[in-house]
Amino acid sequence: RDYLDLLGPAVGVLFIGFAEGLGAAKTYAARAGYS
């Protein structure tokens, strides 16, 4: 039950973490010439 209660909030954590990390990854990939 504890894990099920955390699934909804975990989506928000993933969403923000993914958006922030993807921005950083794309920034340096563009500088180094890969995708």
PDB file of all heavy atoms in Angstrom:
ATOM      1  N   ARG A   1       0.829  -1.208   0.000  1.00  0.00           N
ATOM      2  CA  ARG A   1       0.000   0.000   0.000  1.00  0.00           C
ATOM      3  C   ARG A   1       0.868   1.265   0.000  1.00  0.00           C
ATOM      4  O   ARG A   1       0.530   2.261  -0.652  1.00  0.00           O
ATOM      5  CB  ARG A   1      -0.890  -0.020   1.237  1.00  0.00           C
ATOM      6  CG  ARG A   1      -1.698   1.237   1.463  1.00  0.00           C
ATOM      7  CD  ARG A   1      -2.890   1.254   0.560  1.00  0.00           C
ATOM      8  NE  ARG A   1      -3.632   2.484   0.659  1.00  0.00           N
ATOM      9  CZ  ARG A   1      -4.853   2.642   0.208  1.00  0.00           C
ATOM     10  NH1 ARG A   1      -5.461   1.618  -0.374  1.00  0.00           N
ATOM     11  NH2 ARG A   1      -5.472   3.780   0.316  1.00  0.00           N
ATOM     12  N   ASP A   2       1.987   1.232   0.702  1.00  0.00           N
ATOM     13  CA  ASP A   2       2.873   2.395   0.745  1.00  0.00           C
ATOM     14  C   ASP A   2       3.421   2.722  -0.644  1.00  0.00           C
ATOM     15  O   ASP A   2       3.505   3.903  -1.030  1.00  0.00           O
ATOM     16  CB  ASP A   2       4.038   2.130   1.710  1.00  0.00           C
ATOM     17  CG  ASP A   2       3.585   2.007   3.145  1.00  0.00           C
ATOM     18  OD1 ASP A   2       2.831   2.885   3.599  1.00  0.00           O
ATOM     19  OD2 ASP A   2       3.973   1.031   3.809  1.00  0.00           O
ATOM     20  N   TYR A   3       3.781   1.692  -1.386  1.00  0.00           N
ATOM     21  CA  TYR A   3       4.302   1.923  -2.748  1.00  0.00           C
ATOM     22  C   TYR A   3       3.201   2.445  -3.672  1.00  0.00           C
ATOM     23  O   TYR A   3       3.449   3.325  -4.503  1.00  0.00           O
ATOM     24  CB  TYR A   3       4.888   0.629  -3.306  1.00  0.00           C
ATOM     25  CG  TYR A   3       6.187   0.241  -2.658  1.00  0.00           C
ATOM     26  CD1 TYR A   3       6.208  -0.632  -1.570  1.00  0.00           C
ATOM     27  CD2 TYR A   3       7.399   0.752  -3.116  1.00  0.00           C
ATOM     28  CE1 TYR A   3       7.407  -0.983  -0.957  1.00  0.00           C
ATOM     29  CE2 TYR A   3       8.597   0.410  -2.515  1.00  0.00           C
ATOM     30  CZ  TYR A   3       8.596  -0.464  -1.430  1.00  0.00           C
ATOM     31  OH  TYR A   3       9.779  -0.800  -0.834  1.00  0.00           O
ATOM     32  N   LEU A   4       2.000   1.915  -3.516  1.00  0.00           N
ATOM     33  CA  LEU A   4       0.893   2.386  -4.349  1.00  0.00           C
ATOM     34  C   LEU A   4       0.578   3.846  -4.069  1.00  0.00           C
ATOM     35  O   LEU A   4       0.270   4.618  -4.990  1.00  0.00           O
ATOM     36  CB  LEU A   4      -0.348   1.520  -4.102  1.00  0.00           C
ATOM     37  CG  LEU A   4      -0.236   0.052  -4.534  1.00  0.00           C
ATOM     38  CD1 LEU A   4      -1.496  -0.726  -4.164  1.00  0.00           C
ATOM     39  CD2 LEU A   4       0.020  -0.055  -6.036  1.00  0.00           C
ATOM     40  N   ASP A   5       0.673   4.256  -2.794  1.00  0.00           N
ATOM     41  CA  ASP A   5       0.423   5.650  -2.439  1.00  0.00           C
ATOM     42  C   ASP A   5       1.470   6.584  -3.047  1.00  0.00           C
ATOM     43  O   ASP A   5       1.201   7.776  -3.254  1.00  0.00           O
ATOM     44  CB  ASP A   5       0.421   5.818  -0.913  1.00  0.00           C
ATOM     45  CG  ASP A   5      -0.801   5.194  -0.265  1.00  0.00           C
ATOM     46  OD1 ASP A   5      -1.796   4.957  -0.967  1.00  0.00           O
ATOM     47  OD2 ASP A   5      -0.747   4.935   0.959  1.00  0.00           O
ATOM     48  N   LEU A   6       2.647   6.050  -3.318  1.00  0.00           N
ATOM     49  CA  LEU A   6       3.744   6.876  -3.835  1.00  0.00           C
ATOM     50  C   LEU A   6       3.786   6.949  -5.356  1.00  0.00           C
ATOM     51  O   LEU A   6       4.523   7.766  -5.913  1.00  0.00           O
ATOM     52  CB  LEU A   6       5.091   6.337  -3.325  1.00  0.00           C
ATOM     53  CG  LEU A   6       5.358   6.503  -1.829  1.00  0.00           C
ATOM     54  CD1 LEU A   6       6.616   5.749  -1.432  1.00  0.00           C
ATOM     55  CD2 LEU A   6       5.491   7.979  -1.462  1.00  0.00           C
ATOM     56  N   LEU A   7       3.003   6.108  -6.040  1.00  0.00           N
ATOM     57  CA  LEU A   7       3.087   6.070  -7.495  1.00  0.00           C
ATOM     58  C   LEU A   7       2.670   7.399  -8.134  1.00  0.00           C
ATOM     59  O   LEU A   7       3.321   7.885  -9.066  1.00  0.00           O
ATOM     60  CB  LEU A   7       2.234   4.929  -8.050  1.00  0.00           C
ATOM     61  CG  LEU A   7       2.791   3.516  -7.852  1.00  0.00           C
ATOM     62  CD1 LEU A   7       1.814   2.480  -8.408  1.00  0.00           C
ATOM     63  CD2 LEU A   7       4.150   3.380  -8.535  1.00  0.00           C
ATOM     64  N   GLY A   8       1.578   7.986  -7.633  1.00  0.00           N
ATOM     65  CA  GLY A   8       1.127   9.269  -8.183  1.00  0.00           C
ATOM     66  C   GLY A   8       2.157  10.374  -8.001  1.00  0.00           C
ATOM     67  O   GLY A   8       2.564  11.019  -8.973  1.00  0.00           O
ATOM     68  N   PRO A   9       2.605  10.624  -6.755  1.00  0.00           N
ATOM     69  CA  PRO A   9       3.656  11.639  -6.570  1.00  0.00           C
ATOM     70  C   PRO A   9       4.935  11.336  -7.351  1.00  0.00           C
ATOM     71  O   PRO A   9       5.623  12.255  -7.791  1.00  0.00           O
ATOM     72  CB  PRO A   9       3.913  11.600  -5.058  1.00  0.00           C
ATOM     73  CG  PRO A   9       2.653  11.088  -4.467  1.00  0.00           C
ATOM     74  CD  PRO A   9       2.102  10.130  -5.472  1.00  0.00           C
ATOM     75  N   ALA A  10       5.248  10.049  -7.521  1.00  0.00           N
ATOM     76  CA  ALA A  10       6.470   9.687  -8.239  1.00  0.00           C
ATOM     77  C   ALA A  10       6.428  10.156  -9.695  1.00  0.00           C
ATOM     78  O   ALA A  10       7.472  10.458 -10.279  1.00  0.00           O
ATOM     79  CB  ALA A  10       6.687   8.173  -8.189  1.00  0.00           C
ATOM     80  N   VAL A  11       5.237  10.224 -10.271  1.00  0.00           N
ATOM     81  CA  VAL A  11       5.113  10.730 -11.640  1.00  0.00           C
ATOM     82  C   VAL A  11       5.595  12.182 -11.707  1.00  0.00           C
ATOM     83  O   VAL A  11       6.316  12.573 -12.635  1.00  0.00           O
ATOM     84  CB  VAL A  11       3.657  10.618 -12.129  1.00  0.00           C
ATOM     85  CG1 VAL A  11       3.487  11.301 -13.485  1.00  0.00           C
ATOM     86  CG2 VAL A  11       3.237   9.152 -12.226  1.00  0.00           C
ATOM     87  N   GLY A  12       5.189  12.976 -10.703  1.00  0.00           N
ATOM     88  CA  GLY A  12       5.640  14.363 -10.662  1.00  0.00           C
ATOM     89  C   GLY A  12       7.135  14.479 -10.489  1.00  0.00           C
ATOM     90  O   GLY A  12       7.794  15.307 -11.128  1.00  0.00           O
ATOM     91  N   VAL A  13       7.714  13.649  -9.609  1.00  0.00           N
ATOM     92  CA  VAL A  13       9.162  13.658  -9.401  1.00  0.00           C
ATOM     93  C   VAL A  13       9.883  13.303 -10.700  1.00  0.00           C
ATOM     94  O   VAL A  13      10.856  13.961 -11.093  1.00  0.00           O
ATOM     95  CB  VAL A  13       9.555  12.673  -8.285  1.00  0.00           C
ATOM     96  CG1 VAL A  13      11.073  12.577  -8.162  1.00  0.00           C
ATOM     97  CG2 VAL A  13       8.960  13.104  -6.954  1.00  0.00           C
ATOM     98  N   LEU A  14       9.404  12.265 -11.377  1.00  0.00           N
ATOM     99  CA  LEU A  14      10.017  11.848 -12.641  1.00  0.00           C
ATOM    100  C   LEU A  14       9.909  12.948 -13.686  1.00  0.00           C
ATOM    101  O   LEU A  14      10.862  13.227 -14.418  1.00  0.00           O
ATOM    102  CB  LEU A  14       9.342  10.569 -13.145  1.00  0.00           C
ATOM    103  CG  LEU A  14       9.858  10.056 -14.496  1.00  0.00           C
ATOM    104  CD1 LEU A  14      11.265   9.495 -14.358  1.00  0.00           C
ATOM    105  CD2 LEU A  14       8.912   8.992 -15.067  1.00  0.00           C
ATOM    106  N   PHE A  15       8.757  13.584 -13.734  1.00  0.00           N
ATOM    107  CA  PHE A  15       8.500  14.610 -14.747  1.00  0.00           C
ATOM    108  C   PHE A  15       9.494  15.756 -14.619  1.00  0.00           C
ATOM    109  O   PHE A  15      10.132  16.177 -15.597  1.00  0.00           O
ATOM    110  CB  PHE A  15       7.063  15.108 -14.581  1.00  0.00           C
ATOM    111  CG  PHE A  15       6.566  15.931 -15.731  1.00  0.00           C
ATOM    112  CD1 PHE A  15       6.539  15.412 -17.014  1.00  0.00           C
ATOM    113  CD2 PHE A  15       6.095  17.207 -15.528  1.00  0.00           C
ATOM    114  CE1 PHE A  15       6.070  16.156 -18.075  1.00  0.00           C
ATOM    115  CE2 PHE A  15       5.625  17.963 -16.583  1.00  0.00           C
ATOM    116  CZ  PHE A  15       5.608  17.437 -17.856  1.00  0.00           C
ATOM    117  N   ILE A  16       9.646  16.274 -13.389  1.00  0.00           N
ATOM    118  CA  ILE A  16      10.560  17.390 -13.175  1.00  0.00           C
ATOM    119  C   ILE A  16      12.011  16.948 -13.358  1.00  0.00           C
ATOM    120  O   ILE A  16      12.814  17.629 -14.003  1.00  0.00           O
ATOM    121  CB  ILE A  16      10.350  17.990 -11.775  1.00  0.00           C
ATOM    122  CG1 ILE A  16       9.028  18.747 -11.738  1.00  0.00           C
ATOM    123  CG2 ILE A  16      11.490  18.928 -11.397  1.00  0.00           C
ATOM    124  CD1 ILE A  16       8.931  19.898 -12.711  1.00  0.00           C
ATOM    125  N   GLY A  17      12.365  15.799 -12.783  1.00  0.00           N
ATOM    126  CA  GLY A  17      13.733  15.306 -12.928  1.00  0.00           C
ATOM    127  C   GLY A  17      14.099  15.051 -14.374  1.00  0.00           C
ATOM    128  O   GLY A  17      15.211  15.362 -14.820  1.00  0.00           O
ATOM    129  N   PHE A  18      13.167  14.512 -15.138  1.00  0.00           N
ATOM    130  CA  PHE A  18      13.404  14.213 -16.550  1.00  0.00           C
ATOM    131  C   PHE A  18      13.582  15.502 -17.355  1.00  0.00           C
ATOM    132  O   PHE A  18      14.509  15.620 -18.166  1.00  0.00           O
ATOM    133  CB  PHE A  18      12.239  13.391 -17.092  1.00  0.00           C
ATOM    134  CG  PHE A  18      12.311  13.110 -18.572  1.00  0.00           C
ATOM    135  CD1 PHE A  18      13.418  12.501 -19.127  1.00  0.00           C
ATOM    136  CD2 PHE A  18      11.257  13.455 -19.399  1.00  0.00           C
ATOM    137  CE1 PHE A  18      13.482  12.234 -20.488  1.00  0.00           C
ATOM    138  CE2 PHE A  18      11.304  13.195 -20.757  1.00  0.00           C
ATOM    139  CZ  PHE A  18      12.420  12.582 -21.303  1.00  0.00           C
ATOM    140  N   ALA A  19      12.705  16.478 -17.110  1.00  0.00           N
ATOM    141  CA  ALA A  19      12.789  17.736 -17.856  1.00  0.00           C
ATOM    142  C   ALA A  19      14.106  18.450 -17.578  1.00  0.00           C
ATOM    143  O   ALA A  19      14.770  18.952 -18.490  1.00  0.00           O
ATOM    144  CB  ALA A  19      11.606  18.636 -17.489  1.00  0.00           C
ATOM    145  N   GLU A  20      14.513  18.493 -16.296  1.00  0.00           N
ATOM    146  CA  GLU A  20      15.754  19.177 -15.936  1.00  0.00           C
ATOM    147  C   GLU A  20      16.974  18.440 -16.504  1.00  0.00           C
ATOM    148  O   GLU A  20      17.874  19.053 -17.080  1.00  0.00           O
ATOM    149  CB  GLU A  20      15.869  19.276 -14.415  1.00  0.00           C
ATOM    150  CG  GLU A  20      17.064  20.085 -13.941  1.00  0.00           C
ATOM    151  CD  GLU A  20      17.112  20.224 -12.431  1.00  0.00           C
ATOM    152  OE1 GLU A  20      16.131  19.865 -11.766  1.00  0.00           O
ATOM    153  OE2 GLU A  20      18.141  20.686 -11.925  1.00  0.00           O
ATOM    154  N   GLY A  21      17.008  17.120 -16.349  1.00  0.00           N
ATOM    155  CA  GLY A  21      18.134  16.342 -16.844  1.00  0.00           C
ATOM    156  C   GLY A  21      18.234  16.342 -18.351  1.00  0.00           C
ATOM    157  O   GLY A  21      19.336  16.413 -18.911  1.00  0.00           O
ATOM    158  N   LEU A  22      17.090  16.280 -19.024  1.00  0.00           N
ATOM    159  CA  LEU A  22      17.101  16.264 -20.489  1.00  0.00           C
ATOM    160  C   LEU A  22      17.643  17.582 -21.033  1.00  0.00           C
ATOM    161  O   LEU A  22      18.391  17.595 -22.022  1.00  0.00           O
ATOM    162  CB  LEU A  22      15.688  16.010 -21.022  1.00  0.00           C
ATOM    163  CG  LEU A  22      15.550  15.810 -22.533  1.00  0.00           C
ATOM    164  CD1 LEU A  22      16.294  14.564 -22.986  1.00  0.00           C
ATOM    165  CD2 LEU A  22      14.077  15.718 -22.933  1.00  0.00           C
ATOM    166  N   GLY A  23      17.278  18.687 -20.387  1.00  0.00           N
ATOM    167  CA  GLY A  23      17.808  19.979 -20.817  1.00  0.00           C
ATOM    168  C   GLY A  23      19.319  20.034 -20.714  1.00  0.00           C
ATOM    169  O   GLY A  23      20.004  20.505 -21.622  1.00  0.00           O
ATOM    170  N   ALA A  24      19.866  19.539 -19.593  1.00  0.00           N
ATOM    171  CA  ALA A  24      21.316  19.523 -19.418  1.00  0.00           C
ATOM    172  C   ALA A  24      21.984  18.602 -20.433  1.00  0.00           C
ATOM    173  O   ALA A  24      23.014  18.939 -21.029  1.00  0.00           O
ATOM    174  CB  ALA A  24      21.662  19.072 -17.999  1.00  0.00           C
ATOM    175  N   ALA A  25      21.396  17.423 -20.650  1.00  0.00           N
ATOM    176  CA  ALA A  25      21.972  16.450 -21.586  1.00  0.00           C
ATOM    177  C   ALA A  25      22.008  17.016 -23.007  1.00  0.00           C
ATOM    178  O   ALA A  25      23.019  16.902 -23.722  1.00  0.00           O
ATOM    179  CB  ALA A  25      21.172  15.151 -21.550  1.00  0.00           C
ATOM    180  N   LYS A  26      20.927  17.656 -23.429  1.00  0.00           N
ATOM    181  CA  LYS A  26      20.875  18.200 -24.782  1.00  0.00           C
ATOM    182  C   LYS A  26      21.865  19.356 -24.967  1.00  0.00           C
ATOM    183  O   LYS A  26      22.455  19.502 -26.038  1.00  0.00           O
ATOM    184  CB  LYS A  26      19.446  18.671 -25.093  1.00  0.00           C
ATOM    185  CG  LYS A  26      18.478  17.531 -25.372  1.00  0.00           C
ATOM    186  CD  LYS A  26      17.113  18.058 -25.780  1.00  0.00           C
ATOM    187  CE  LYS A  26      16.190  16.931 -26.209  1.00  0.00           C
ATOM    188  NZ  LYS A  26      14.857  17.433 -26.617  1.00  0.00           N
ATOM    189  N   THR A  27      22.034  20.146 -23.923  1.00  0.00           N
ATOM    190  CA  THR A  27      22.960  21.276 -24.012  1.00  0.00           C
ATOM    191  C   THR A  27      24.366  20.806 -24.345  1.00  0.00           C
ATOM    192  O   THR A  27      25.025  21.328 -25.259  1.00  0.00           O
ATOM    193  CB  THR A  27      22.965  22.058 -22.693  1.00  0.00           C
ATOM    194  OG1 THR A  27      21.661  22.595 -22.464  1.00  0.00           O
ATOM    195  CG2 THR A  27      23.985  23.191 -22.737  1.00  0.00           C
ATOM    196  N   TYR A  28      24.843  19.792 -23.627  1.00  0.00           N
ATOM    197  CA  TYR A  28      26.217  19.343 -23.829  1.00  0.00           C
ATOM    198  C   TYR A  28      26.350  18.392 -25.009  1.00  0.00           C
ATOM    199  O   TYR A  28      27.420  18.295 -25.604  1.00  0.00           O
ATOM    200  CB  TYR A  28      26.758  18.747 -22.524  1.00  0.00           C
ATOM    201  CG  TYR A  28      27.106  19.849 -21.570  1.00  0.00           C
ATOM    202  CD1 TYR A  28      26.144  20.373 -20.723  1.00  0.00           C
ATOM    203  CD2 TYR A  28      28.359  20.437 -21.592  1.00  0.00           C
ATOM    204  CE1 TYR A  28      26.423  21.447 -19.889  1.00  0.00           C
ATOM    205  CE2 TYR A  28      28.655  21.512 -20.776  1.00  0.00           C
ATOM    206  CZ  TYR A  28      27.687  22.006 -19.924  1.00  0.00           C
ATOM    207  OH  TYR A  28      27.970  23.079 -19.121  1.00  0.00           O
ATOM    208  N   ALA A  29      25.282  17.714 -25.374  1.00  0.00           N
ATOM    209  CA  ALA A  29      25.315  16.899 -26.585  1.00  0.00           C
ATOM    210  C   ALA A  29      25.463  17.789 -27.821  1.00  0.00           C
ATOM    211  O   ALA A  29      26.198  17.461 -28.756  1.00  0.00           O
ATOM    212  CB  ALA A  29      24.050  16.054 -26.689  1.00  0.00           C
ATOM    213  N   ALA A  30      24.760  18.927 -27.814  1.00  0.00           N
ATOM    214  CA  ALA A  30      24.859  19.849 -28.945  1.00  0.00           C
ATOM    215  C   ALA A  30      26.285  20.387 -29.087  1.00  0.00           C
ATOM    216  O   ALA A  30      26.801  20.546 -30.193  1.00  0.00           O
ATOM    217  CB  ALA A  30      23.869  20.998 -28.764  1.00  0.00           C
ATOM    218  N   ARG A  31      26.936  20.650 -27.966  1.00  0.00           N
ATOM    219  CA  ARG A  31      28.300  21.175 -28.010  1.00  0.00           C
ATOM    220  C   ARG A  31      29.288  20.124 -28.524  1.00  0.00           C
ATOM    221  O   ARG A  31      30.269  20.467 -29.192  1.00  0.00           O
ATOM    222  CB  ARG A  31      28.725  21.640 -26.611  1.00  0.00           C
ATOM    223  CG  ARG A  31      27.931  22.833 -26.109  1.00  0.00           C
ATOM    224  CD  ARG A  31      28.415  23.269 -24.738  1.00  0.00           C
ATOM    225  NE  ARG A  31      27.607  24.359 -24.219  1.00  0.00           N
ATOM    226  CZ  ARG A  31      27.816  24.943 -23.048  1.00  0.00           C
ATOM    227  NH1 ARG A  31      28.826  24.532 -22.276  1.00  0.00           N
ATOM    228  NH2 ARG A  31      27.028  25.923 -22.641  1.00  0.00           N
ATOM    229  N   ALA A  32      29.029  18.860 -28.192  1.00  0.00           N
ATOM    230  CA  ALA A  32      29.969  17.801 -28.574  1.00  0.00           C
ATOM    231  C   ALA A  32      29.591  17.128 -29.887  1.00  0.00           C
ATOM    232  O   ALA A  32      30.331  16.270 -30.368  1.00  0.00           O
ATOM    233  CB  ALA A  32      30.048  16.757 -27.461  1.00  0.00           C
ATOM    234  N   GLY A  33      28.435  17.478 -30.455  1.00  0.00           N
ATOM    235  CA  GLY A  33      28.067  16.958 -31.764  1.00  0.00           C
ATOM    236  C   GLY A  33      27.483  15.561 -31.780  1.00  0.00           C
ATOM    237  O   GLY A  33      27.726  14.802 -32.717  1.00  0.00           O
ATOM    238  N   TYR A  34      26.730  15.199 -30.760  1.00  0.00           N
ATOM    239  CA  TYR A  34      26.010  13.921 -30.799  1.00  0.00           C
ATOM    240  C   TYR A  34      24.569  14.161 -30.372  1.00  0.00           C
ATOM    241  O   TYR A  34      24.212  15.272 -29.966  1.00  0.00           O
ATOM    242  CB  TYR A  34      26.689  12.870 -29.918  1.00  0.00           C
ATOM    243  CG  TYR A  34      26.702  13.168 -28.438  1.00  0.00           C
ATOM    244  CD1 TYR A  34      25.713  12.670 -27.590  1.00  0.00           C
ATOM    245  CD2 TYR A  34      27.721  13.927 -27.863  1.00  0.00           C
ATOM    246  CE1 TYR A  34      25.730  12.937 -26.232  1.00  0.00           C
ATOM    247  CE2 TYR A  34      27.750  14.199 -26.507  1.00  0.00           C
ATOM    248  CZ  TYR A  34      26.746  13.698 -25.688  1.00  0.00           C
ATOM    249  OH  TYR A  34      26.763  13.956 -24.344  1.00  0.00           O
ATOM    250  N   SER A  35      23.720  13.152 -30.485  1.00  0.00           N
ATOM    251  CA  SER A  35      22.299  13.336 -30.211  1.00  0.00           C
ATOM    252  C   SER A  35      21.882  12.611 -28.939  1.00  0.00           C
ATOM    253  O   SER A  35      22.549  11.680 -28.485  1.00  0.00           O
ATOM    254  CB  SER A  35      21.452  12.838 -31.394  1.00  0.00           C
ATOM    255  OG  SER A  35      21.691  11.460 -31.607  1.00  0.00           O
TER     256      SER A  35
END
